[in-house]
Amino acid sequence: LQPSADRNLMLRLLFTFFFLAPVYSNTWVINFNNRNDVCGDRTCAERGYTPAGAQYIAEPVGQPETFEYRVFIRQVGPSGSTRVSPFHDIPMKLSNGAYSAVTEIPQWTRAKYEVTTDEQFNPIFQDVKNGALRYYAWGDIAFNYGMIPQTYEDPNHLYPTSDEPGAPQLPGDGDPVDMIEIGVGQLPTGAVSEVRVLGALALIDDGEMDWKVATVRLDNPLANYLHTLEDVMRVYPGALEEIAHWWKVYKVAAGGEENTIGFGGGWLGAEKAKEVLATSHQSWRQAFAN
């Protein structure tokens, strides 16, 4: 079974209908404009970064799409830049209510990049399965995709798959919470963005809960128009359904089974998404922040 060319074309049209989609350079800088970050019980200095006006740049090392390739994140300060961990050192939430997000896979590409959880500074690498670099066989991913820092879907924590009494509960997948950014324009691997949370999808993948949180970055032209899932449906009619379908079937092209989606198979609103992030942040704190 091959991906539908019609569906792929429809998504491209949906995400470029009102605005051009610029492609940015491989080195991405984001400035948090002197906002105060929320660092939990430990001060931001103890976490290893400066909250006021923090800047991050991507540091690629090696050749893309090779086993050795890594993308580190560096924080820029008055005396230079230092490597930081996108998993542990970038704050999940900012005092203005926005969230941090790190892009792993740029929109309209298919190499499966992700943050390492077991290497120093947790650089981004291309995932490997059965000795081969991984690509999405179903086709290019239709959105910028990455992770929310300081979150952890704990394999020892059971997540409900529905609000119904007695609904099955499943363990987390052992990774940070995944982020879908649906603004206009491709973000490079290693981009650190300030985003608004719009909703969540409870993907069930190989018997594990694999939450997908939908966001829009605040410096995007569409950010003024996208505040809720209802706004997304109005600006991008059909896009949420197509994104959910993509996650259900993306393994089929490689011979796998379809995934399922909890909570009735649909998208959940921003409040539920923030609840998921709060739970996963607490799991991160218990597992790593000591």
C-alpha atoms as a PDB file:
ATOM      1  CA  LEU A   1       0.000   0.000   0.000  1.00  0.00           C
ATOM      2  CA  GLN A   2       1.421   3.380  -1.066  1.00  0.00           C
ATOM      3  CA  PRO A   3       0.607   6.833   0.307  1.00  0.00           C
ATOM      4  CA  SER A   4      -2.109   8.695  -1.555  1.00  0.00           C
ATOM      5  CA  ALA A   5      -0.794  11.387  -3.879  1.00  0.00           C
ATOM      6  CA  ASP A   6      -4.124  13.170  -3.543  1.00  0.00           C
ATOM      7  CA  ARG A   7      -3.823  13.323   0.265  1.00  0.00           C
ATOM      8  CA  ASN A   8      -0.241  14.534   0.045  1.00  0.00           C
ATOM      9  CA  LEU A   9      -1.188  17.255  -2.428  1.00  0.00           C
ATOM     10  CA  MET A  10      -4.120  18.304  -0.276  1.00  0.00           C
ATOM     11  CA  LEU A  11      -1.907  18.753   2.775  1.00  0.00           C
ATOM     12  CA  ARG A  12       0.577  20.812   0.774  1.00  0.00           C
ATOM     13  CA  LEU A  13      -2.208  23.085  -0.415  1.00  0.00           C
ATOM     14  CA  LEU A  14      -3.659  23.385   3.095  1.00  0.00           C
ATOM     15  CA  PHE A  15      -0.352  24.459   4.607  1.00  0.00           C
ATOM     16  CA  THR A  16       0.541  26.986   1.875  1.00  0.00           C
ATOM     17  CA  PHE A  17      -2.856  28.398   0.875  1.00  0.00           C
ATOM     18  CA  PHE A  18      -2.646  31.852   2.445  1.00  0.00           C
ATOM     19  CA  PHE A  19       1.105  32.389   2.840  1.00  0.00           C
ATOM     20  CA  LEU A  20       4.374  31.469   1.166  1.00  0.00           C
ATOM     21  CA  ALA A  21       6.442  28.889   3.056  1.00  0.00           C
ATOM     22  CA  PRO A  22      10.028  30.166   3.421  1.00  0.00           C
ATOM     23  CA  VAL A  23      12.819  27.672   4.073  1.00  0.00           C
ATOM     24  CA  TYR A  24      15.257  28.924   6.686  1.00  0.00           C
ATOM     25  CA  SER A  25      18.999  28.369   6.999  1.00  0.00           C
ATOM     26  CA  ASN A  26      20.522  25.411   8.839  1.00  0.00           C
ATOM     27  CA  THR A  27      21.537  27.639  11.770  1.00  0.00           C
ATOM     28  CA  TRP A  28      18.443  28.848  13.609  1.00  0.00           C
ATOM     29  CA  VAL A  29      18.435  31.458  16.358  1.00  0.00           C
ATOM     30  CA  ILE A  30      15.431  32.163  18.563  1.00  0.00           C
ATOM     31  CA  ASN A  31      15.320  35.005  21.083  1.00  0.00           C
ATOM     32  CA  PHE A  32      12.929  34.704  24.019  1.00  0.00           C
ATOM     33  CA  ASN A  33      12.871  38.524  24.373  1.00  0.00           C
ATOM     34  CA  ASN A  34      13.721  38.855  28.055  1.00  0.00           C
ATOM     35  CA  ARG A  35      10.895  36.646  29.284  1.00  0.00           C
ATOM     36  CA  ASN A  36      11.324  34.880  32.625  1.00  0.00           C
ATOM     37  CA  ASP A  37      11.427  31.111  32.316  1.00  0.00           C
ATOM     38  CA  VAL A  38       9.856  28.698  34.779  1.00  0.00           C
ATOM     39  CA  CYS A  39      12.563  26.395  36.135  1.00  0.00           C
ATOM     40  CA  GLY A  40      10.759  24.579  38.919  1.00  0.00           C
ATOM     41  CA  ASP A  41      12.416  24.288  42.338  1.00  0.00           C
ATOM     42  CA  ARG A  42      15.905  24.804  40.929  1.00  0.00           C
ATOM     43  CA  THR A  43      17.043  28.198  39.675  1.00  0.00           C
ATOM     44  CA  CYS A  44      17.642  28.675  35.963  1.00  0.00           C
ATOM     45  CA  ALA A  45      21.343  29.213  36.636  1.00  0.00           C
ATOM     46  CA  GLU A  46      21.499  25.777  38.278  1.00  0.00           C
ATOM     47  CA  ARG A  47      19.808  24.294  35.207  1.00  0.00           C
ATOM     48  CA  GLY A  48      22.626  25.730  33.076  1.00  0.00           C
ATOM     49  CA  TYR A  49      21.034  28.519  31.009  1.00  0.00           C
ATOM     50  CA  THR A  50      20.105  32.182  31.273  1.00  0.00           C
ATOM     51  CA  PRO A  51      16.341  32.784  31.113  1.00  0.00           C
ATOM     52  CA  ALA A  52      16.420  36.451  30.077  1.00  0.00           C
ATOM     53  CA  GLY A  53      16.893  36.845  26.338  1.00  0.00           C
ATOM     54  CA  ALA A  54      18.105  33.267  25.932  1.00  0.00           C
ATOM     55  CA  GLN A  55      19.287  32.410  22.434  1.00  0.00           C
ATOM     56  CA  TYR A  56      19.872  28.955  21.023  1.00  0.00           C
ATOM     57  CA  ILE A  57      21.679  27.908  17.868  1.00  0.00           C
ATOM     58  CA  ALA A  58      21.973  24.528  16.208  1.00  0.00           C
ATOM     59  CA  GLU A  59      25.443  22.981  15.916  1.00  0.00           C
ATOM     60  CA  PRO A  60      25.503  20.263  13.228  1.00  0.00           C
ATOM     61  CA  VAL A  61      28.395  17.801  13.494  1.00  0.00           C
ATOM     62  CA  GLY A  62      29.131  15.432  10.616  1.00  0.00           C
ATOM     63  CA  GLN A  63      27.285  14.662   7.406  1.00  0.00           C
ATOM     64  CA  PRO A  64      23.466  14.542   7.435  1.00  0.00           C
ATOM     65  CA  GLU A  65      21.822  11.139   6.963  1.00  0.00           C
ATOM     66  CA  THR A  66      24.804   9.212   8.315  1.00  0.00           C
ATOM     67  CA  PHE A  67      25.144   7.131  11.476  1.00  0.00           C
ATOM     68  CA  GLU A  68      27.579   9.638  12.982  1.00  0.00           C
ATOM     69  CA  TYR A  69      25.579  12.817  12.328  1.00  0.00           C
ATOM     70  CA  ARG A  70      24.547  14.823  15.389  1.00  0.00           C
ATOM     71  CA  VAL A  71      22.905  18.211  15.896  1.00  0.00           C
ATOM     72  CA  PHE A  72      23.772  19.814  19.237  1.00  0.00           C
ATOM     73  CA  ILE A  73      21.984  22.817  20.750  1.00  0.00           C
ATOM     74  CA  ARG A  74      24.087  25.726  21.996  1.00  0.00           C
ATOM     75  CA  GLN A  75      22.963  28.575  24.222  1.00  0.00           C
ATOM     76  CA  VAL A  76      24.457  31.934  23.308  1.00  0.00           C
ATOM     77  CA  GLY A  77      25.492  34.241  26.143  1.00  0.00           C
ATOM     78  CA  PRO A  78      27.593  37.380  26.633  1.00  0.00           C
ATOM     79  CA  SER A  79      30.861  35.433  26.675  1.00  0.00           C
ATOM     80  CA  GLY A  80      30.121  32.974  23.885  1.00  0.00           C
ATOM     81  CA  SER A  81      28.047  29.825  23.532  1.00  0.00           C
ATOM     82  CA  THR A  82      27.887  26.530  25.375  1.00  0.00           C
ATOM     83  CA  ARG A  83      26.214  23.241  24.620  1.00  0.00           C
ATOM     84  CA  VAL A  84      22.964  22.552  26.439  1.00  0.00           C
ATOM     85  CA  SER A  85      20.581  19.624  26.483  1.00  0.00           C
ATOM     86  CA  PRO A  86      17.279  20.062  24.603  1.00  0.00           C
ATOM     87  CA  PHE A  87      15.878  17.327  26.844  1.00  0.00           C
ATOM     88  CA  HIS A  88      16.921  18.778  30.203  1.00  0.00           C
ATOM     89  CA  ASP A  89      18.203  22.375  29.972  1.00  0.00           C
ATOM     90  CA  ILE A  90      15.640  24.245  27.871  1.00  0.00           C
ATOM     91  CA  PRO A  91      12.580  25.139  29.969  1.00  0.00           C
ATOM     92  CA  MET A  92       9.307  23.455  29.103  1.00  0.00           C
ATOM     93  CA  LYS A  93       7.117  26.454  29.913  1.00  0.00           C
ATOM     94  CA  LEU A  94       7.643  30.205  29.917  1.00  0.00           C
ATOM     95  CA  SER A  95       6.073  32.723  32.262  1.00  0.00           C
ATOM     96  CA  ASN A  96       3.868  34.122  29.474  1.00  0.00           C
ATOM     97  CA  GLY A  97       2.133  30.742  29.144  1.00  0.00           C
ATOM     98  CA  ALA A  98       3.952  29.686  25.980  1.00  0.00           C
ATOM     99  CA  TYR A  99       5.996  26.490  25.692  1.00  0.00           C
ATOM    100  CA  SER A 100       9.410  25.710  24.265  1.00  0.00           C
ATOM    101  CA  ALA A 101       9.690  23.308  21.337  1.00  0.00           C
ATOM    102  CA  VAL A 102      12.667  21.773  19.536  1.00  0.00           C
ATOM    103  CA  THR A 103      12.345  20.769  15.876  1.00  0.00           C
ATOM    104  CA  GLU A 104      13.782  17.368  15.018  1.00  0.00           C
ATOM    105  CA  ILE A 105      12.239  16.700  11.576  1.00  0.00           C
ATOM    106  CA  PRO A 106      11.619  19.627   9.188  1.00  0.00           C
ATOM    107  CA  GLN A 107       8.320  19.836   7.333  1.00  0.00           C
ATOM    108  CA  TRP A 108       8.230  17.976   3.979  1.00  0.00           C
ATOM    109  CA  THR A 109      11.164  15.689   4.795  1.00  0.00           C
ATOM    110  CA  ARG A 110      11.220  12.034   5.870  1.00  0.00           C
ATOM    111  CA  ALA A 111      14.539  11.238   7.614  1.00  0.00           C
ATOM    112  CA  LYS A 112      13.547  10.228  11.171  1.00  0.00           C
ATOM    113  CA  TYR A 113      15.593  12.468  13.429  1.00  0.00           C
ATOM    114  CA  GLU A 114      15.069  12.551  17.188  1.00  0.00           C
ATOM    115  CA  VAL A 115      16.743  13.671  20.408  1.00  0.00           C
ATOM    116  CA  THR A 116      18.948  11.052  21.999  1.00  0.00           C
ATOM    117  CA  THR A 117      18.085  10.231  25.589  1.00  0.00           C
ATOM    118  CA  ASP A 118      21.350   8.507  26.536  1.00  0.00           C
ATOM    119  CA  GLU A 119      24.167  10.699  25.105  1.00  0.00           C
ATOM    120  CA  GLN A 120      25.796  13.717  26.731  1.00  0.00           C
ATOM    121  CA  PHE A 121      23.885  16.916  25.880  1.00  0.00           C
ATOM    122  CA  ASN A 122      21.206  14.777  24.169  1.00  0.00           C
ATOM    123  CA  PRO A 123      21.991  15.769  20.562  1.00  0.00           C
ATOM    124  CA  ILE A 124      19.589  15.032  17.705  1.00  0.00           C
ATOM    125  CA  PHE A 125      20.464  11.999  15.576  1.00  0.00           C
ATOM    126  CA  GLN A 126      18.845   9.901  12.855  1.00  0.00           C
ATOM    127  CA  ASP A 127      17.148   6.896  14.385  1.00  0.00           C
ATOM    128  CA  VAL A 128      18.415   3.421  13.472  1.00  0.00           C
ATOM    129  CA  LYS A 129      16.418   0.208  13.179  1.00  0.00           C
ATOM    130  CA  ASN A 130      17.842  -3.198  12.255  1.00  0.00           C
ATOM    131  CA  GLY A 131      21.164  -1.580  11.395  1.00  0.00           C
ATOM    132  CA  ALA A 132      19.680   0.930   8.938  1.00  0.00           C
ATOM    133  CA  LEU A 133      18.923   4.628   9.131  1.00  0.00           C
ATOM    134  CA  ARG A 134      15.186   5.214   9.483  1.00  0.00           C
ATOM    135  CA  TYR A 135      12.954   7.113   7.062  1.00  0.00           C
ATOM    136  CA  TYR A 136       9.192   7.522   6.991  1.00  0.00           C
ATOM    137  CA  ALA A 137       8.220   5.113   4.221  1.00  0.00           C
ATOM    138  CA  TRP A 138       4.705   6.578   4.020  1.00  0.00           C
ATOM    139  CA  GLY A 139       6.121   9.835   2.674  1.00  0.00           C
ATOM    140  CA  ASP A 140       7.257  13.284   3.711  1.00  0.00           C
ATOM    141  CA  ILE A 141       5.973  14.548   7.035  1.00  0.00           C
ATOM    142  CA  ALA A 142       3.523  17.414   6.465  1.00  0.00           C
ATOM    143  CA  PHE A 143       4.489  19.550   9.468  1.00  0.00           C
ATOM    144  CA  ASN A 144       7.486  20.525  11.552  1.00  0.00           C
ATOM    145  CA  TYR A 145       7.945  17.778  14.112  1.00  0.00           C
ATOM    146  CA  GLY A 146       9.929  17.572  17.296  1.00  0.00           C
ATOM    147  CA  MET A 147       9.729  17.471  21.084  1.00  0.00           C
ATOM    148  CA  ILE A 148       8.790  19.493  24.152  1.00  0.00           C
ATOM    149  CA  PRO A 149      11.781  19.918  26.518  1.00  0.00           C
ATOM    150  CA  GLN A 150      11.656  18.729  30.127  1.00  0.00           C
ATOM    151  CA  THR A 151       8.913  16.180  29.446  1.00  0.00           C
ATOM    152  CA  TYR A 152       9.067  12.396  29.716  1.00  0.00           C
ATOM    153  CA  GLU A 153       6.499   9.739  28.855  1.00  0.00           C
ATOM    154  CA  ASP A 154       7.488   7.363  31.619  1.00  0.00           C
ATOM    155  CA  PRO A 155       7.311   3.634  30.763  1.00  0.00           C
ATOM    156  CA  ASN A 156       6.534   3.050  34.447  1.00  0.00           C
ATOM    157  CA  HIS A 157       3.536   5.380  34.369  1.00  0.00           C
ATOM    158  CA  LEU A 158       0.170   4.177  33.058  1.00  0.00           C
ATOM    159  CA  TYR A 159      -1.732   6.673  30.916  1.00  0.00           C
ATOM    160  CA  PRO A 160      -5.507   6.358  30.410  1.00  0.00           C
ATOM    161  CA  THR A 161      -6.666   5.784  26.839  1.00  0.00           C
ATOM    162  CA  SER A 162     -10.140   7.210  27.480  1.00  0.00           C
ATOM    163  CA  ASP A 163     -12.178   9.117  30.034  1.00  0.00           C
ATOM    164  CA  GLU A 164     -14.528   6.151  30.303  1.00  0.00           C
ATOM    165  CA  PRO A 165     -14.450   4.277  33.636  1.00  0.00           C
ATOM    166  CA  GLY A 166     -12.338   1.141  33.413  1.00  0.00           C
ATOM    167  CA  ALA A 167     -10.665   2.185  30.161  1.00  0.00           C
ATOM    168  CA  PRO A 168      -7.332   0.478  29.412  1.00  0.00           C
ATOM    169  CA  GLN A 169      -4.170   2.198  30.591  1.00  0.00           C
ATOM    170  CA  LEU A 170      -0.890   2.045  28.716  1.00  0.00           C
ATOM    171  CA  PRO A 171       2.739   2.874  29.590  1.00  0.00           C
ATOM    172  CA  GLY A 172       4.595   5.816  28.103  1.00  0.00           C
ATOM    173  CA  ASP A 173       7.088   5.251  25.297  1.00  0.00           C
ATOM    174  CA  GLY A 174      10.157   6.428  27.237  1.00  0.00           C
ATOM    175  CA  ASP A 175      10.696   9.609  25.203  1.00  0.00           C
ATOM    176  CA  PRO A 176       9.888  13.316  25.538  1.00  0.00           C
ATOM    177  CA  VAL A 177       6.404  14.368  24.429  1.00  0.00           C
ATOM    178  CA  ASP A 178       6.229  14.795  20.655  1.00  0.00           C
ATOM    179  CA  MET A 179       5.402  18.173  19.131  1.00  0.00           C
ATOM    180  CA  ILE A 180       3.615  18.971  15.862  1.00  0.00           C
ATOM    181  CA  GLU A 181       4.124  22.573  14.658  1.00  0.00           C
ATOM    182  CA  ILE A 182       1.576  23.558  12.016  1.00  0.00           C
ATOM    183  CA  GLY A 183       2.630  27.095  11.167  1.00  0.00           C
ATOM    184  CA  VAL A 184       3.711  28.202   7.707  1.00  0.00           C
ATOM    185  CA  GLY A 185       7.361  27.562   6.827  1.00  0.00           C
ATOM    186  CA  GLN A 186       9.910  24.803   7.282  1.00  0.00           C
ATOM    187  CA  LEU A 187      12.007  24.815  10.457  1.00  0.00           C
ATOM    188  CA  PRO A 188      15.471  23.223  10.360  1.00  0.00           C
ATOM    189  CA  THR A 189      16.587  20.416  12.638  1.00  0.00           C
ATOM    190  CA  GLY A 190      17.640  21.957  15.940  1.00  0.00           C
ATOM    191  CA  ALA A 191      15.352  25.005  15.783  1.00  0.00           C
ATOM    192  CA  VAL A 192      14.216  26.125  19.252  1.00  0.00           C
ATOM    193  CA  SER A 193      10.852  27.884  19.098  1.00  0.00           C
ATOM    194  CA  GLU A 194       8.352  29.468  21.432  1.00  0.00           C
ATOM    195  CA  VAL A 195       4.952  27.878  20.720  1.00  0.00           C
ATOM    196  CA  ARG A 196       1.285  28.023  21.648  1.00  0.00           C
ATOM    197  CA  VAL A 197      -0.299  24.680  22.562  1.00  0.00           C
ATOM    198  CA  LEU A 198      -3.463  23.982  20.547  1.00  0.00           C
ATOM    199  CA  GLY A 199      -4.421  20.373  21.294  1.00  0.00           C
ATOM    200  CA  ALA A 200      -3.280  16.769  21.542  1.00  0.00           C
ATOM    201  CA  LEU A 201      -3.653  13.396  19.865  1.00  0.00           C
ATOM    202  CA  ALA A 202      -3.486  10.231  22.010  1.00  0.00           C
ATOM    203  CA  LEU A 203      -1.633   7.959  19.589  1.00  0.00           C
ATOM    204  CA  ILE A 204      -1.319   4.325  20.649  1.00  0.00           C
ATOM    205  CA  ASP A 205       1.796   2.884  19.014  1.00  0.00           C
ATOM    206  CA  ASP A 206       3.014  -0.673  19.693  1.00  0.00           C
ATOM    207  CA  GLY A 207       1.045  -0.845  22.926  1.00  0.00           C
ATOM    208  CA  GLU A 208       2.486   2.402  24.278  1.00  0.00           C
ATOM    209  CA  MET A 209       1.026   5.869  24.709  1.00  0.00           C
ATOM    210  CA  ASP A 210       2.743   8.270  22.323  1.00  0.00           C
ATOM    211  CA  TRP A 211       1.150  11.707  22.780  1.00  0.00           C
ATOM    212  CA  LYS A 212       1.336  14.224  19.918  1.00  0.00           C
ATOM    213  CA  VAL A 213       0.842  17.861  20.953  1.00  0.00           C
ATOM    214  CA  ALA A 214      -0.251  20.293  18.223  1.00  0.00           C
ATOM    215  CA  THR A 215       1.334  23.755  18.399  1.00  0.00           C
ATOM    216  CA  VAL A 216       1.984  26.912  16.387  1.00  0.00           C
ATOM    217  CA  ARG A 217       5.136  28.973  16.893  1.00  0.00           C
ATOM    218  CA  LEU A 218       4.485  32.507  18.062  1.00  0.00           C
ATOM    219  CA  ASP A 219       6.698  34.188  15.454  1.00  0.00           C
ATOM    220  CA  ASN A 220       4.701  32.599  12.633  1.00  0.00           C
ATOM    221  CA  PRO A 221       2.330  34.707  10.494  1.00  0.00           C
ATOM    222  CA  LEU A 222      -0.525  32.359  11.400  1.00  0.00           C
ATOM    223  CA  ALA A 223      -0.029  32.637  15.170  1.00  0.00           C
ATOM    224  CA  ASN A 224      -2.485  35.547  15.385  1.00  0.00           C
ATOM    225  CA  TYR A 225      -5.180  33.342  13.843  1.00  0.00           C
ATOM    226  CA  LEU A 226      -4.574  30.013  15.597  1.00  0.00           C
ATOM    227  CA  HIS A 227      -5.526  29.869  19.282  1.00  0.00           C
ATOM    228  CA  THR A 228      -7.723  26.733  19.415  1.00  0.00           C
ATOM    229  CA  LEU A 229      -8.418  23.585  17.439  1.00  0.00           C
ATOM    230  CA  GLU A 230     -11.524  25.304  16.115  1.00  0.00           C
ATOM    231  CA  ASP A 231      -9.297  28.002  14.644  1.00  0.00           C
ATOM    232  CA  VAL A 232      -7.170  25.331  12.964  1.00  0.00           C
ATOM    233  CA  MET A 233     -10.284  23.767  11.435  1.00  0.00           C
ATOM    234  CA  ARG A 234     -11.344  27.156  10.107  1.00  0.00           C
ATOM    235  CA  VAL A 235      -7.942  28.202   8.689  1.00  0.00           C
ATOM    236  CA  TYR A 236      -6.828  24.692   7.616  1.00  0.00           C
ATOM    237  CA  PRO A 237     -10.083  22.815   6.885  1.00  0.00           C
ATOM    238  CA  GLY A 238      -9.397  19.079   6.917  1.00  0.00           C
ATOM    239  CA  ALA A 239      -5.801  19.376   8.136  1.00  0.00           C
ATOM    240  CA  LEU A 240      -6.358  17.904  11.608  1.00  0.00           C
ATOM    241  CA  GLU A 241      -8.102  14.866  10.129  1.00  0.00           C
ATOM    242  CA  GLU A 242      -5.274  14.358   7.639  1.00  0.00           C
ATOM    243  CA  ILE A 243      -2.601  14.660  10.343  1.00  0.00           C
ATOM    244  CA  ALA A 244      -4.410  12.095  12.511  1.00  0.00           C
ATOM    245  CA  HIS A 245      -4.743   9.791   9.489  1.00  0.00           C
ATOM    246  CA  TRP A 246      -1.014  10.135   8.747  1.00  0.00           C
ATOM    247  CA  TRP A 247      -0.110   8.956  12.248  1.00  0.00           C
ATOM    248  CA  LYS A 248      -2.529   6.052  12.054  1.00  0.00           C
ATOM    249  CA  VAL A 249      -1.174   4.650   8.780  1.00  0.00           C
ATOM    250  CA  TYR A 250       2.470   5.764   8.490  1.00  0.00           C
ATOM    251  CA  LYS A 251       3.800   2.290   9.358  1.00  0.00           C
ATOM    252  CA  VAL A 252       1.663   0.493   6.782  1.00  0.00           C
ATOM    253  CA  ALA A 253       3.965   1.384   3.866  1.00  0.00           C
ATOM    254  CA  ALA A 254       6.804  -0.462   5.658  1.00  0.00           C
ATOM    255  CA  GLY A 255       4.649  -3.547   6.288  1.00  0.00           C
ATOM    256  CA  GLY A 256       3.444  -2.605   9.761  1.00  0.00           C
ATOM    257  CA  GLU A 257      -0.014  -2.432  11.285  1.00  0.00           C
ATOM    258  CA  GLU A 258      -2.164   0.645  11.636  1.00  0.00           C
ATOM    259  CA  ASN A 259      -1.931   2.536  14.898  1.00  0.00           C
ATOM    260  CA  THR A 260      -4.982   3.497  16.919  1.00  0.00           C
ATOM    261  CA  ILE A 261      -5.947   6.742  18.632  1.00  0.00           C
ATOM    262  CA  GLY A 262      -7.340   6.867  22.136  1.00  0.00           C
ATOM    263  CA  PHE A 263     -10.131   9.026  23.530  1.00  0.00           C
ATOM    264  CA  GLY A 264     -12.507   8.138  20.719  1.00  0.00           C
ATOM    265  CA  GLY A 265     -10.028   8.654  17.892  1.00  0.00           C
ATOM    266  CA  GLY A 266     -10.166  12.441  17.755  1.00  0.00           C
ATOM    267  CA  TRP A 267      -8.201  15.488  18.788  1.00  0.00           C
ATOM    268  CA  LEU A 268      -8.342  16.766  22.361  1.00  0.00           C
ATOM    269  CA  GLY A 269      -8.292  20.470  23.217  1.00  0.00           C
ATOM    270  CA  ALA A 270      -5.558  22.681  24.609  1.00  0.00           C
ATOM    271  CA  GLU A 271      -6.489  22.115  28.252  1.00  0.00           C
ATOM    272  CA  LYS A 272      -6.080  18.350  27.909  1.00  0.00           C
ATOM    273  CA  ALA A 273      -2.801  18.865  26.048  1.00  0.00           C
ATOM    274  CA  LYS A 274      -1.482  21.071  28.849  1.00  0.00           C
ATOM    275  CA  GLU A 275      -2.578  18.461  31.380  1.00  0.00           C
ATOM    276  CA  VAL A 276      -0.562  15.858  29.472  1.00  0.00           C
ATOM    277  CA  LEU A 277       2.460  18.177  29.447  1.00  0.00           C
ATOM    278  CA  ALA A 278       2.144  18.858  33.171  1.00  0.00           C
ATOM    279  CA  THR A 279       2.009  15.127  33.932  1.00  0.00           C
ATOM    280  CA  SER A 280       4.971  14.375  31.688  1.00  0.00           C
ATOM    281  CA  HIS A 281       6.931  17.285  33.188  1.00  0.00           C
ATOM    282  CA  GLN A 282       6.364  15.815  36.642  1.00  0.00           C
ATOM    283  CA  SER A 283       7.573  12.447  35.329  1.00  0.00           C
ATOM    284  CA  TRP A 284      10.679  14.180  33.941  1.00  0.00           C
ATOM    285  CA  ARG A 285      11.361  15.855  37.283  1.00  0.00           C
ATOM    286  CA  GLN A 286      11.035  12.566  39.151  1.00  0.00           C
ATOM    287  CA  ALA A 287      13.280  10.726  36.699  1.00  0.00           C
ATOM    288  CA  PHE A 288      15.956  13.336  35.888  1.00  0.00           C
ATOM    289  CA  ALA A 289      15.781  16.652  37.786  1.00  0.00           C
ATOM    290  CA  ASN A 290      17.772  15.803  40.891  1.00  0.00           C
END
